[in-house]
């Protein structure tokens, strides 16, 4: 009887946990997928369906005019190319610089290294808005300790160019760079020291050991960081709209999409535009912005999952 009761109790516990897990997964999936489904439904509606009381999810009149309008107003193909170029460039530079920094913190012990790494962790915790003004002013009057004044006669304005993203990526100070350094540091700390010692015995220096031995072993971490960096840079609106005002990238084009469309449909009288129609086109533009990321994820999801698992095991 005791064994039977224990088996029955274990069965009910297993069943209860399965129900709880199903509810949690269903709830999380709903929270994530509901906005996407809503935008898909909105994007394929005709303008007249906005005012129909019977239309909720499935439109009465299917239309692709919303996509045509969003593509035209956003100059979508040029914007897509610019955004991809910016995200890919910053991703490669950020991965390289953060890998170097992570290796230095993991293997090269020097005076004050712990305090410097505490500063890296602080960059993860401190909101970017707290340092926005000094960073903005430095980029607006970029002088590099008087070097720009010596060469050009005055400080250089780097705003509305891609240089702020390139400089911050090279110096491991770009968007979420503190997290990437932490990932690389944990990964390199998990690699046995005997591997490096064998390279030193063979006459390899620190640079050669890093490039020939450590970096090839860090491919899982590199894949993880590259995917995170690319997606976050693609979706970033805080730094992008701060540094770029007239360049055609997704964040700036999406933020100005309703106003630009209102100017066109009302011949300059933006206040007379239908706000519901503008919202419909903006939802379509958002869907077009995230569509490339979904396509990329479909191709790299297997490598991404494998890299996250291996990074977690080693780190």
Protein backbone atom coordinates (compact mmCIF):
# COMPACT_ATOMS: atom_id res chain seq x y z
CA UNK A 1 0.00 0.00 0.00
CA UNK A 2 2.78 2.43 0.90
CA UNK A 3 4.57 1.85 -2.40
CA UNK A 4 1.32 2.23 -4.30
CA UNK A 5 0.54 5.49 -2.55
CA UNK A 6 4.02 6.83 -3.24
CA UNK A 7 3.71 5.95 -6.91
CA UNK A 8 0.30 7.60 -7.05
CA UNK A 9 1.64 10.71 -5.32
CA UNK A 10 4.57 10.92 -7.70
CA UNK A 11 2.20 10.54 -10.62
CA UNK A 12 0.03 13.42 -9.43
CA UNK A 13 3.09 15.60 -8.77
CA UNK A 14 4.36 14.92 -12.27
CA UNK A 15 0.93 15.66 -13.75
CA UNK A 16 0.60 18.90 -11.74
CA UNK A 17 4.04 20.09 -12.79
CA UNK A 18 3.22 19.35 -16.43
CA UNK A 19 0.05 21.45 -16.16
CA UNK A 20 1.91 24.34 -14.51
CA UNK A 21 4.64 24.21 -17.14
CA UNK A 22 2.07 24.14 -19.94
CA UNK A 23 0.26 27.17 -18.50
CA UNK A 24 3.50 29.14 -18.09
CA UNK A 25 4.73 28.34 -21.60
CA UNK A 26 1.33 29.16 -23.08
CA UNK A 27 1.18 32.46 -21.21
CA UNK A 28 4.68 33.49 -22.25
CA UNK A 29 4.02 32.49 -25.85
CA UNK A 30 0.83 34.54 -25.86
CA UNK A 31 2.63 37.62 -24.50
CA UNK A 32 5.35 37.31 -27.17
CA UNK A 33 3.25 36.30 -30.17
CA UNK A 34 0.09 38.36 -29.62
CA UNK A 35 1.60 41.70 -30.77
CA UNK A 36 3.07 40.02 -33.86
CA UNK A 37 -0.23 38.38 -34.82
CA UNK A 38 -2.01 41.66 -34.21
CA UNK A 39 0.35 43.53 -36.53
CA UNK A 40 0.01 40.86 -39.22
CA UNK A 41 -3.77 41.12 -39.00
CA UNK A 42 -3.63 44.92 -39.18
CA UNK A 43 -1.19 45.01 -42.08
CA UNK A 44 -3.41 42.98 -44.42
CA UNK A 45 -6.59 44.95 -43.74
CA UNK A 46 -8.07 47.42 -46.16
CA UNK A 47 -8.58 50.94 -44.88
CA UNK A 48 -12.36 50.44 -44.74
CA UNK A 49 -11.99 47.54 -42.30
CA UNK A 50 -10.76 49.96 -39.64
CA UNK A 51 -14.29 51.24 -39.14
CA UNK A 52 -16.13 47.92 -39.43
CA UNK A 53 -17.57 46.68 -36.14
CA UNK A 54 -17.43 43.03 -37.25
CA UNK A 55 -13.73 43.01 -38.15
CA UNK A 56 -11.45 42.04 -35.28
CA UNK A 57 -8.72 39.67 -36.48
CA UNK A 58 -9.69 38.44 -39.94
CA UNK A 59 -10.25 41.31 -42.40
CA UNK A 60 -13.22 41.39 -44.74
CA UNK A 61 -11.10 42.86 -47.53
CA UNK A 62 -7.54 41.64 -47.82
CA UNK A 63 -5.10 44.22 -49.15
CA UNK A 64 -1.36 44.75 -49.54
CA UNK A 65 -1.70 48.51 -49.97
CA UNK A 66 -0.39 49.01 -46.42
CA UNK A 67 2.87 47.28 -47.36
CA UNK A 68 3.17 49.38 -50.51
CA UNK A 69 2.64 52.58 -48.54
CA UNK A 70 5.09 51.62 -45.79
CA UNK A 71 7.76 50.54 -48.30
CA UNK A 72 7.37 53.77 -50.25
CA UNK A 73 7.35 56.15 -47.28
CA UNK A 74 10.21 54.40 -45.48
CA UNK A 75 12.28 54.01 -48.67
CA UNK A 76 12.45 50.47 -47.38
CA UNK A 77 15.12 48.87 -49.55
CA UNK A 78 17.69 51.63 -49.04
CA UNK A 79 16.84 51.68 -45.34
CA UNK A 80 17.21 47.91 -45.14
CA UNK A 81 20.65 48.04 -46.74
CA UNK A 82 21.86 50.86 -44.45
CA UNK A 83 20.59 49.16 -41.32
CA UNK A 84 22.13 45.83 -42.27
CA UNK A 85 25.48 47.48 -43.05
CA UNK A 86 25.48 49.38 -39.76
CA UNK A 87 24.46 46.36 -37.68
CA UNK A 88 26.93 44.01 -39.38
CA UNK A 89 29.85 46.45 -39.03
CA UNK A 90 29.22 47.19 -35.37
CA UNK A 91 28.67 43.49 -34.68
CA UNK A 92 32.04 42.45 -36.10
CA UNK A 93 33.93 45.28 -34.39
CA UNK A 94 32.15 44.75 -31.07
CA UNK A 95 32.81 41.01 -31.10
CA UNK A 96 36.52 41.51 -31.77
CA UNK A 97 37.02 44.22 -29.14
CA UNK A 98 34.94 42.48 -26.47
CA UNK A 99 36.77 39.19 -27.09
CA UNK A 100 40.09 40.96 -26.48
CA UNK A 101 38.77 42.63 -23.34
CA UNK A 102 37.23 39.41 -22.03
CA UNK A 103 40.48 37.52 -22.60
CA UNK A 104 42.43 40.21 -20.80
CA UNK A 105 40.19 40.10 -17.76
CA UNK A 106 40.17 36.30 -17.71
CA UNK A 107 43.88 35.57 -18.18
CA UNK A 108 46.03 38.69 -17.81
CA UNK A 109 46.23 39.65 -14.16
CA UNK A 110 47.46 43.16 -13.46
CA UNK A 111 47.09 45.73 -10.74
CA UNK A 112 43.57 47.14 -10.65
CA UNK A 113 42.08 44.54 -13.02
CA UNK A 114 39.34 43.68 -10.54
CA UNK A 115 38.39 47.34 -10.23
CA UNK A 116 38.30 47.71 -13.99
CA UNK A 117 36.09 44.65 -14.32
CA UNK A 118 33.81 46.11 -11.64
CA UNK A 119 33.52 49.13 -13.94
CA UNK A 120 32.52 46.80 -16.77
CA UNK A 121 29.78 45.29 -14.61
CA UNK A 122 28.70 48.83 -13.70
CA UNK A 123 28.10 49.61 -17.38
CA UNK A 124 25.53 46.79 -17.40
CA UNK A 125 23.73 48.15 -14.35
CA UNK A 126 23.81 51.90 -15.07
CA UNK A 127 21.04 53.09 -17.43
CA UNK A 128 22.45 54.63 -20.63
CA UNK A 129 20.36 57.76 -20.13
CA UNK A 130 22.58 58.80 -17.19
CA UNK A 131 25.62 59.26 -19.44
CA UNK A 132 23.83 60.37 -22.59
CA UNK A 133 24.53 64.10 -22.25
CA UNK A 134 28.34 63.89 -21.75
CA UNK A 135 28.64 61.27 -24.51
CA UNK A 136 26.54 63.44 -26.83
CA UNK A 137 28.65 66.53 -26.13
CA UNK A 138 31.90 64.61 -26.60
CA UNK A 139 30.76 63.32 -29.98
CA UNK A 140 29.45 66.71 -31.04
CA UNK A 141 32.85 68.31 -30.29
CA UNK A 142 35.15 65.33 -30.74
CA UNK A 143 38.70 66.47 -30.07
CA UNK A 144 40.62 63.34 -28.94
CA UNK A 145 42.75 65.23 -26.38
CA UNK A 146 43.44 68.12 -28.76
CA UNK A 147 44.48 65.99 -31.74
CA UNK A 148 41.51 67.01 -33.90
CA UNK A 149 42.15 70.69 -33.19
CA UNK A 150 45.79 70.23 -34.15
CA UNK A 151 44.88 68.53 -37.45
CA UNK A 152 41.64 70.22 -38.52
CA UNK A 153 41.89 73.46 -36.56
CA UNK A 154 38.76 72.73 -34.53
CA UNK A 155 36.88 69.79 -32.95
CA UNK A 156 35.01 67.49 -35.31
CA UNK A 157 31.26 66.93 -35.14
CA UNK A 158 30.67 63.17 -35.42
CA UNK A 159 26.90 63.33 -35.02
CA UNK A 160 24.74 62.24 -37.95
CA UNK A 161 27.53 59.93 -39.12
CA UNK A 162 28.35 56.29 -38.46
CA UNK A 163 31.55 57.18 -36.57
CA UNK A 164 29.96 57.13 -33.08
CA UNK A 165 28.95 53.51 -33.63
CA UNK A 166 32.35 52.55 -35.08
CA UNK A 167 34.37 54.23 -32.33
CA UNK A 168 32.29 52.78 -29.51
CA UNK A 169 32.43 49.33 -31.12
CA UNK A 170 36.22 49.42 -31.54
CA UNK A 171 36.72 50.45 -27.91
CA UNK A 172 34.33 47.79 -26.51
CA UNK A 173 31.96 50.50 -25.33
CA UNK A 174 29.04 49.93 -27.68
CA UNK A 175 25.48 48.89 -26.91
CA UNK A 176 25.48 46.07 -24.27
CA UNK A 177 29.28 45.72 -24.57
CA UNK A 178 29.61 45.11 -20.83
CA UNK A 179 27.48 42.00 -21.12
CA UNK A 180 29.55 40.71 -24.06
CA UNK A 181 32.81 41.21 -22.15
CA UNK A 182 31.34 39.28 -19.24
CA UNK A 183 30.33 36.41 -21.56
CA UNK A 184 33.82 36.18 -23.06
CA UNK A 185 35.51 36.45 -19.67
CA UNK A 186 33.46 33.58 -18.24
CA UNK A 187 34.15 31.46 -21.31
CA UNK A 188 37.92 32.02 -21.31
CA UNK A 189 38.09 31.32 -17.59
CA UNK A 190 36.59 27.90 -18.26
CA UNK A 191 39.34 26.90 -20.71
CA UNK A 192 42.15 24.91 -18.94
CA UNK A 193 45.32 26.90 -18.37
CA UNK A 194 47.36 23.96 -19.66
CA UNK A 195 46.26 24.87 -23.18
CA UNK A 196 47.90 28.30 -22.90
CA UNK A 197 50.95 26.94 -21.11
CA UNK A 198 51.54 24.48 -23.94
CA UNK A 199 51.40 27.36 -26.43
CA UNK A 200 53.87 29.39 -24.34
CA UNK A 201 56.25 26.42 -24.23
CA UNK A 202 56.15 26.28 -28.03
CA UNK A 203 57.23 29.91 -28.15
CA UNK A 204 53.89 31.60 -28.79
CA UNK A 205 53.29 35.00 -27.27
CA UNK A 206 50.09 36.37 -25.78
CA UNK A 207 48.79 37.69 -29.10
CA UNK A 208 49.49 34.51 -31.00
CA UNK A 209 48.05 32.37 -28.21
CA UNK A 210 44.89 34.43 -28.26
CA UNK A 211 44.44 34.39 -32.05
CA UNK A 212 45.58 30.82 -32.74
CA UNK A 213 44.49 28.92 -29.61
CA UNK A 214 41.89 30.78 -27.55
CA UNK A 215 39.84 32.46 -30.25
CA UNK A 216 39.07 29.27 -32.25
CA UNK A 217 37.87 27.65 -29.04
CA UNK A 218 35.63 30.65 -28.34
CA UNK A 219 33.43 30.18 -31.43
CA UNK A 220 30.31 29.36 -29.32
CA UNK A 221 30.73 32.61 -27.37
CA UNK A 222 31.40 34.53 -30.57
CA UNK A 223 28.22 33.23 -32.20
CA UNK A 224 26.19 34.16 -29.13
CA UNK A 225 27.67 37.66 -28.91
CA UNK A 226 27.36 38.30 -32.65
CA UNK A 227 23.69 37.35 -32.71
CA UNK A 228 22.88 39.40 -29.61
CA UNK A 229 24.85 42.38 -30.91
CA UNK A 230 23.27 42.27 -34.36
CA UNK A 231 19.69 42.03 -33.07
CA UNK A 232 20.11 44.70 -30.40
CA UNK A 233 21.78 47.11 -32.81
CA UNK A 234 19.07 46.48 -35.39
CA UNK A 235 16.31 47.19 -32.86
CA UNK A 236 18.07 50.04 -31.09
CA UNK A 237 16.22 53.31 -31.17
CA UNK A 238 17.85 55.12 -28.22
CA UNK A 239 21.37 55.60 -29.58
CA UNK A 240 20.38 55.49 -33.24
CA UNK A 241 17.89 58.34 -33.02
CA UNK A 242 20.39 60.28 -30.87
CA UNK A 243 23.41 59.94 -33.14
CA UNK A 244 21.58 59.82 -36.50
CA UNK A 245 18.89 62.30 -37.45
CA UNK A 246 18.77 62.23 -41.24
CA UNK A 247 20.34 58.87 -42.14
CA UNK A 248 17.96 56.21 -43.39
CA UNK A 249 17.99 53.39 -40.84
CA UNK A 250 15.07 51.44 -39.43
CA UNK A 251 14.80 53.27 -36.12
CA UNK A 252 14.74 56.77 -37.58
CA UNK A 253 12.46 55.80 -40.45
CA UNK A 254 9.96 54.08 -38.12
CA UNK A 255 9.88 57.02 -35.73
CA UNK A 256 9.17 59.45 -38.57
CA UNK A 257 6.87 57.16 -40.57
CA UNK A 258 3.50 58.51 -39.27
CA UNK A 259 4.53 62.13 -39.76
CA UNK A 260 5.98 61.57 -43.24
CA UNK A 261 2.87 59.67 -44.31
CA UNK A 262 0.59 62.34 -42.88
CA UNK A 263 2.47 65.01 -44.82
CA UNK A 264 1.95 63.09 -48.06
CA UNK A 265 -1.69 62.08 -47.71
CA UNK A 266 -2.86 65.54 -46.60
CA UNK A 267 -0.56 67.72 -48.74
CA UNK A 268 1.36 69.02 -45.74
CA UNK A 269 -1.51 69.37 -43.24
CA UNK A 270 -0.37 66.57 -40.93
CA UNK A 271 -2.92 67.41 -38.23
CA UNK A 272 -5.78 66.47 -40.59
CA UNK A 273 -4.57 62.91 -41.19
CA UNK A 274 -6.57 59.94 -39.90
CA UNK A 275 -4.71 58.72 -36.77
CA UNK A 276 -6.10 55.18 -37.11
CA UNK A 277 -4.82 54.92 -40.65
CA UNK A 278 -1.41 56.24 -39.60
CA UNK A 279 -1.30 53.65 -36.84
CA UNK A 280 -2.12 50.92 -39.35
CA UNK A 281 0.75 51.93 -41.64
CA UNK A 282 3.13 52.20 -38.68
CA UNK A 283 2.22 48.67 -37.56
CA UNK A 284 2.98 47.51 -41.09
CA UNK A 285 6.32 49.32 -40.99
CA UNK A 286 7.19 47.64 -37.68
CA UNK A 287 6.36 44.27 -39.21
CA UNK A 288 8.64 45.03 -42.16
CA UNK A 289 11.40 46.03 -39.74
CA UNK A 290 11.33 42.78 -37.76
CA UNK A 291 10.78 40.52 -40.78
CA UNK A 292 14.52 40.31 -41.69
CA UNK A 293 15.36 39.31 -38.11
CA UNK A 294 12.77 36.53 -38.20
CA UNK A 295 14.18 35.26 -41.51
CA UNK A 296 17.75 35.33 -40.13
CA UNK A 297 16.68 33.51 -36.98
CA UNK A 298 15.05 30.74 -39.00
CA UNK A 299 18.43 30.02 -40.61
CA UNK A 300 20.68 30.38 -37.55
CA UNK A 301 18.49 29.14 -34.70
CA UNK A 302 20.26 25.78 -34.51
CA UNK A 303 23.69 27.39 -34.26
CA UNK A 304 22.38 29.92 -31.76
CA UNK A 305 20.92 27.28 -29.43
CA UNK A 306 24.08 25.18 -29.65
CA UNK A 307 26.29 28.20 -28.93
CA UNK A 308 24.22 29.24 -25.90
CA UNK A 309 24.33 25.71 -24.50
CA UNK A 310 28.08 25.36 -25.00
CA UNK A 311 28.72 28.81 -23.61
CA UNK A 312 26.74 27.96 -20.49
CA UNK A 313 28.53 24.65 -19.98
CA UNK A 314 32.03 26.04 -20.41
CA UNK A 315 31.42 29.32 -18.61
